[in-house]
Amino acid sequence: MDKRPWDKDKILKLTISTDFYDNLKELQFSNHSLKKENGKHTLRVKVPYNYYELDDFELKSLELLGIQENWLTDISLDSSNCSRR
């Protein structure tokens, strides 16, 4: 494999509605991925290096993670600020 499996510059950021936070806790994401920012619960997930080639990447990600779309208040691809590369 000539590339790393994860894009080092992008993350998928999911903002979870307070009403569904308990549902998210049951999925047992790490504390590193699940944070509270500005009073909102966010889940940050690594994305594959070829995410832009995948149809409906965001929706497929939700399905694979076990998260329902109605749990979210926002979904976005953001720049990664991770110092570990």
N, C-alpha and C. Protein backbone atom coordinates (compact mmCIF):
# COMPACT_ATOMS: atom_id res chain seq x y z
N MET A 1 0.85 -1.17 0.00
CA MET A 1 0.00 0.00 0.00
C MET A 1 0.90 1.24 0.00
N ASP A 2 0.75 2.07 -0.98
CA ASP A 2 1.64 3.22 -1.11
C ASP A 2 1.15 4.46 -0.38
N LYS A 3 -0.08 4.43 0.12
CA LYS A 3 -0.62 5.57 0.86
C LYS A 3 -1.12 5.10 2.22
N ARG A 4 -1.12 6.03 3.15
CA ARG A 4 -1.75 5.72 4.44
C ARG A 4 -3.25 5.62 4.21
N PRO A 5 -3.95 4.83 5.01
CA PRO A 5 -5.40 4.68 4.79
C PRO A 5 -6.21 5.92 5.14
N TRP A 6 -5.64 6.82 5.98
CA TRP A 6 -6.39 7.98 6.45
C TRP A 6 -5.82 9.26 5.88
N ASP A 7 -6.72 10.17 5.54
CA ASP A 7 -6.31 11.50 5.09
C ASP A 7 -5.81 12.25 6.33
N LYS A 8 -4.58 12.70 6.30
CA LYS A 8 -4.01 13.35 7.49
C LYS A 8 -4.49 14.78 7.67
N ASP A 9 -5.13 15.34 6.65
CA ASP A 9 -5.53 16.74 6.71
C ASP A 9 -7.03 16.97 6.93
N LYS A 10 -7.83 15.91 6.91
CA LYS A 10 -9.28 16.06 7.03
C LYS A 10 -9.86 15.15 8.10
N ILE A 11 -10.94 15.61 8.70
CA ILE A 11 -11.73 14.79 9.63
C ILE A 11 -13.20 15.02 9.33
N LEU A 12 -14.01 14.05 9.67
CA LEU A 12 -15.45 14.19 9.59
C LEU A 12 -15.92 14.62 10.97
N LYS A 13 -16.57 15.77 11.05
CA LYS A 13 -17.01 16.31 12.33
C LYS A 13 -18.53 16.22 12.39
N LEU A 14 -19.03 15.50 13.39
CA LEU A 14 -20.46 15.30 13.59
C LEU A 14 -20.87 16.01 14.88
N THR A 15 -21.82 16.90 14.78
CA THR A 15 -22.34 17.59 15.97
C THR A 15 -23.65 16.90 16.35
N ILE A 16 -23.70 16.40 17.57
CA ILE A 16 -24.80 15.56 18.03
C ILE A 16 -25.79 16.39 18.84
N SER A 17 -27.07 16.23 18.54
CA SER A 17 -28.13 16.88 19.31
C SER A 17 -28.10 16.38 20.75
N THR A 18 -28.30 17.27 21.68
CA THR A 18 -28.33 16.91 23.10
C THR A 18 -29.35 15.81 23.38
N ASP A 19 -30.45 15.82 22.64
CA ASP A 19 -31.51 14.81 22.83
C ASP A 19 -31.01 13.39 22.57
N PHE A 20 -29.97 13.24 21.76
CA PHE A 20 -29.50 11.92 21.36
C PHE A 20 -28.12 11.58 21.91
N TYR A 21 -27.61 12.39 22.81
CA TYR A 21 -26.27 12.15 23.34
C TYR A 21 -26.18 10.80 24.05
N ASP A 22 -27.20 10.41 24.79
CA ASP A 22 -27.17 9.11 25.48
C ASP A 22 -27.08 7.97 24.47
N ASN A 23 -27.75 8.10 23.33
CA ASN A 23 -27.65 7.08 22.28
C ASN A 23 -26.21 6.96 21.80
N LEU A 24 -25.55 8.09 21.65
CA LEU A 24 -24.17 8.11 21.18
C LEU A 24 -23.24 7.48 22.21
N LYS A 25 -23.47 7.74 23.49
CA LYS A 25 -22.63 7.16 24.54
C LYS A 25 -22.67 5.64 24.49
N GLU A 26 -23.82 5.08 24.13
CA GLU A 26 -23.95 3.63 24.06
C GLU A 26 -23.06 3.02 22.99
N LEU A 27 -22.67 3.79 21.99
CA LEU A 27 -21.80 3.29 20.92
C LEU A 27 -20.33 3.24 21.36
N GLN A 28 -20.02 3.82 22.52
CA GLN A 28 -18.72 3.74 23.18
C GLN A 28 -17.55 4.24 22.34
N PHE A 29 -17.66 5.46 21.83
CA PHE A 29 -16.54 6.08 21.14
C PHE A 29 -15.52 6.53 22.18
N SER A 30 -14.28 6.64 21.76
CA SER A 30 -13.22 7.04 22.70
C SER A 30 -13.39 8.50 23.10
N ASN A 31 -12.85 8.84 24.25
CA ASN A 31 -12.87 10.23 24.72
C ASN A 31 -12.07 11.13 23.80
N HIS A 32 -11.12 10.55 23.10
CA HIS A 32 -10.32 11.33 22.13
C HIS A 32 -11.19 11.80 20.97
N SER A 33 -12.13 10.97 20.55
CA SER A 33 -13.00 11.30 19.41
C SER A 33 -14.23 12.11 19.81
N LEU A 34 -14.73 11.89 20.99
CA LEU A 34 -15.97 12.52 21.45
C LEU A 34 -15.63 13.63 22.43
N LYS A 35 -16.02 14.84 22.08
CA LYS A 35 -15.70 16.02 22.91
C LYS A 35 -16.93 16.91 23.05
N LYS A 36 -16.85 17.81 24.01
CA LYS A 36 -17.87 18.84 24.15
C LYS A 36 -17.21 20.17 23.83
N GLU A 37 -17.71 20.84 22.80
CA GLU A 37 -17.15 22.11 22.36
C GLU A 37 -18.26 23.15 22.29
N ASN A 38 -18.06 24.25 22.96
CA ASN A 38 -19.04 25.34 22.94
C ASN A 38 -20.45 24.84 23.30
N GLY A 39 -20.52 23.96 24.28
CA GLY A 39 -21.79 23.44 24.75
C GLY A 39 -22.42 22.39 23.85
N LYS A 40 -21.71 21.96 22.81
CA LYS A 40 -22.24 20.96 21.88
C LYS A 40 -21.34 19.73 21.90
N HIS A 41 -21.94 18.57 21.75
CA HIS A 41 -21.19 17.32 21.70
C HIS A 41 -20.79 17.07 20.26
N THR A 42 -19.49 16.85 20.06
CA THR A 42 -19.00 16.60 18.71
C THR A 42 -18.21 15.29 18.68
N LEU A 43 -18.32 14.62 17.56
CA LEU A 43 -17.58 13.40 17.31
C LEU A 43 -16.70 13.67 16.11
N ARG A 44 -15.41 13.43 16.26
CA ARG A 44 -14.45 13.63 15.17
C ARG A 44 -13.96 12.26 14.73
N VAL A 45 -14.04 12.02 13.41
CA VAL A 45 -13.72 10.72 12.86
C VAL A 45 -12.73 10.88 11.71
N LYS A 46 -11.71 10.03 11.68
CA LYS A 46 -10.77 10.06 10.56
C LYS A 46 -11.51 9.68 9.27
N VAL A 47 -11.02 10.21 8.16
CA VAL A 47 -11.62 9.88 6.86
C VAL A 47 -10.56 9.21 5.99
N PRO A 48 -10.99 8.31 5.09
CA PRO A 48 -10.02 7.68 4.20
C PRO A 48 -9.43 8.69 3.23
N TYR A 49 -8.22 8.43 2.76
CA TYR A 49 -7.56 9.37 1.86
C TYR A 49 -8.34 9.61 0.58
N ASN A 50 -9.19 8.68 0.17
CA ASN A 50 -9.96 8.83 -1.07
C ASN A 50 -11.44 9.14 -0.81
N TYR A 51 -11.74 9.78 0.32
CA TYR A 51 -13.14 10.04 0.68
C TYR A 51 -13.90 10.78 -0.40
N TYR A 52 -13.24 11.66 -1.13
CA TYR A 52 -13.90 12.47 -2.16
C TYR A 52 -14.32 11.63 -3.37
N GLU A 53 -13.80 10.42 -3.49
CA GLU A 53 -14.18 9.53 -4.59
C GLU A 53 -15.41 8.69 -4.25
N LEU A 54 -15.80 8.66 -3.00
CA LEU A 54 -16.90 7.81 -2.54
C LEU A 54 -18.24 8.54 -2.64
N ASP A 55 -19.23 7.89 -3.22
CA ASP A 55 -20.56 8.47 -3.31
C ASP A 55 -21.21 8.53 -1.92
N ASP A 56 -21.82 9.66 -1.61
CA ASP A 56 -22.52 9.84 -0.33
C ASP A 56 -21.65 9.45 0.86
N PHE A 57 -20.41 9.91 0.85
CA PHE A 57 -19.46 9.54 1.89
C PHE A 57 -20.00 9.80 3.29
N GLU A 58 -20.56 10.98 3.52
CA GLU A 58 -21.03 11.33 4.85
C GLU A 58 -22.14 10.38 5.32
N LEU A 59 -23.10 10.11 4.46
CA LEU A 59 -24.21 9.23 4.84
C LEU A 59 -23.75 7.79 5.06
N LYS A 60 -22.83 7.32 4.23
CA LYS A 60 -22.29 5.97 4.43
C LYS A 60 -21.52 5.89 5.73
N SER A 61 -20.82 6.95 6.08
CA SER A 61 -20.08 6.98 7.34
C SER A 61 -21.02 6.84 8.52
N LEU A 62 -22.13 7.57 8.49
CA LEU A 62 -23.11 7.48 9.57
C LEU A 62 -23.61 6.04 9.73
N GLU A 63 -23.92 5.42 8.61
CA GLU A 63 -24.41 4.05 8.64
C GLU A 63 -23.37 3.11 9.26
N LEU A 64 -22.13 3.23 8.84
CA LEU A 64 -21.07 2.38 9.38
C LEU A 64 -20.81 2.62 10.86
N LEU A 65 -20.98 3.86 11.30
CA LEU A 65 -20.77 4.21 12.70
C LEU A 65 -21.95 3.86 13.59
N GLY A 66 -23.10 3.56 13.00
CA GLY A 66 -24.29 3.25 13.78
C GLY A 66 -25.02 4.49 14.26
N ILE A 67 -24.83 5.60 13.58
CA ILE A 67 -25.43 6.88 13.97
C ILE A 67 -26.57 7.20 12.99
N GLN A 68 -27.69 7.61 13.54
CA GLN A 68 -28.82 7.99 12.69
C GLN A 68 -28.72 9.47 12.36
N GLU A 69 -29.12 9.81 11.14
CA GLU A 69 -28.99 11.18 10.66
C GLU A 69 -29.77 12.17 11.54
N ASN A 70 -30.90 11.74 12.10
CA ASN A 70 -31.70 12.66 12.92
C ASN A 70 -31.06 12.97 14.27
N TRP A 71 -29.96 12.30 14.62
CA TRP A 71 -29.23 12.61 15.85
C TRP A 71 -28.38 13.85 15.68
N LEU A 72 -28.13 14.28 14.45
CA LEU A 72 -27.15 15.33 14.15
C LEU A 72 -27.78 16.71 14.03
N THR A 73 -27.02 17.69 14.46
CA THR A 73 -27.38 19.08 14.17
C THR A 73 -26.48 19.64 13.09
N ASP A 74 -25.33 18.96 12.86
CA ASP A 74 -24.42 19.39 11.80
C ASP A 74 -23.47 18.25 11.44
N ILE A 75 -23.07 18.23 10.18
CA ILE A 75 -22.06 17.30 9.70
C ILE A 75 -21.18 18.06 8.72
N SER A 76 -19.86 17.93 8.90
CA SER A 76 -18.95 18.67 8.01
C SER A 76 -17.61 17.96 7.91
N LEU A 77 -16.91 18.26 6.84
CA LEU A 77 -15.53 17.84 6.68
C LEU A 77 -14.67 19.03 7.05
N ASP A 78 -13.84 18.87 8.05
CA ASP A 78 -13.01 19.98 8.55
C ASP A 78 -11.53 19.64 8.41
N SER A 79 -10.73 20.67 8.54
CA SER A 79 -9.29 20.46 8.56
C SER A 79 -8.91 19.80 9.87
N SER A 80 -7.99 18.88 9.79
CA SER A 80 -7.50 18.18 10.97
C SER A 80 -6.46 19.05 11.66
N ASN A 81 -6.55 19.14 12.96
CA ASN A 81 -5.57 19.87 13.74
C ASN A 81 -4.70 18.93 14.54
N CYS A 82 -4.74 17.67 14.16
CA CYS A 82 -4.00 16.64 14.89
C CYS A 82 -2.51 16.81 14.66
N SER A 83 -1.75 16.76 15.74
CA SER A 83 -0.30 16.89 15.62
C SER A 83 0.36 15.55 15.39
N ARG A 84 -0.38 14.45 15.61
CA ARG A 84 0.17 13.11 15.38
C ARG A 84 0.00 12.76 13.91
N ARG A 85 1.06 12.47 13.24
CA ARG A 85 0.99 12.17 11.80
C ARG A 85 1.67 10.85 11.53
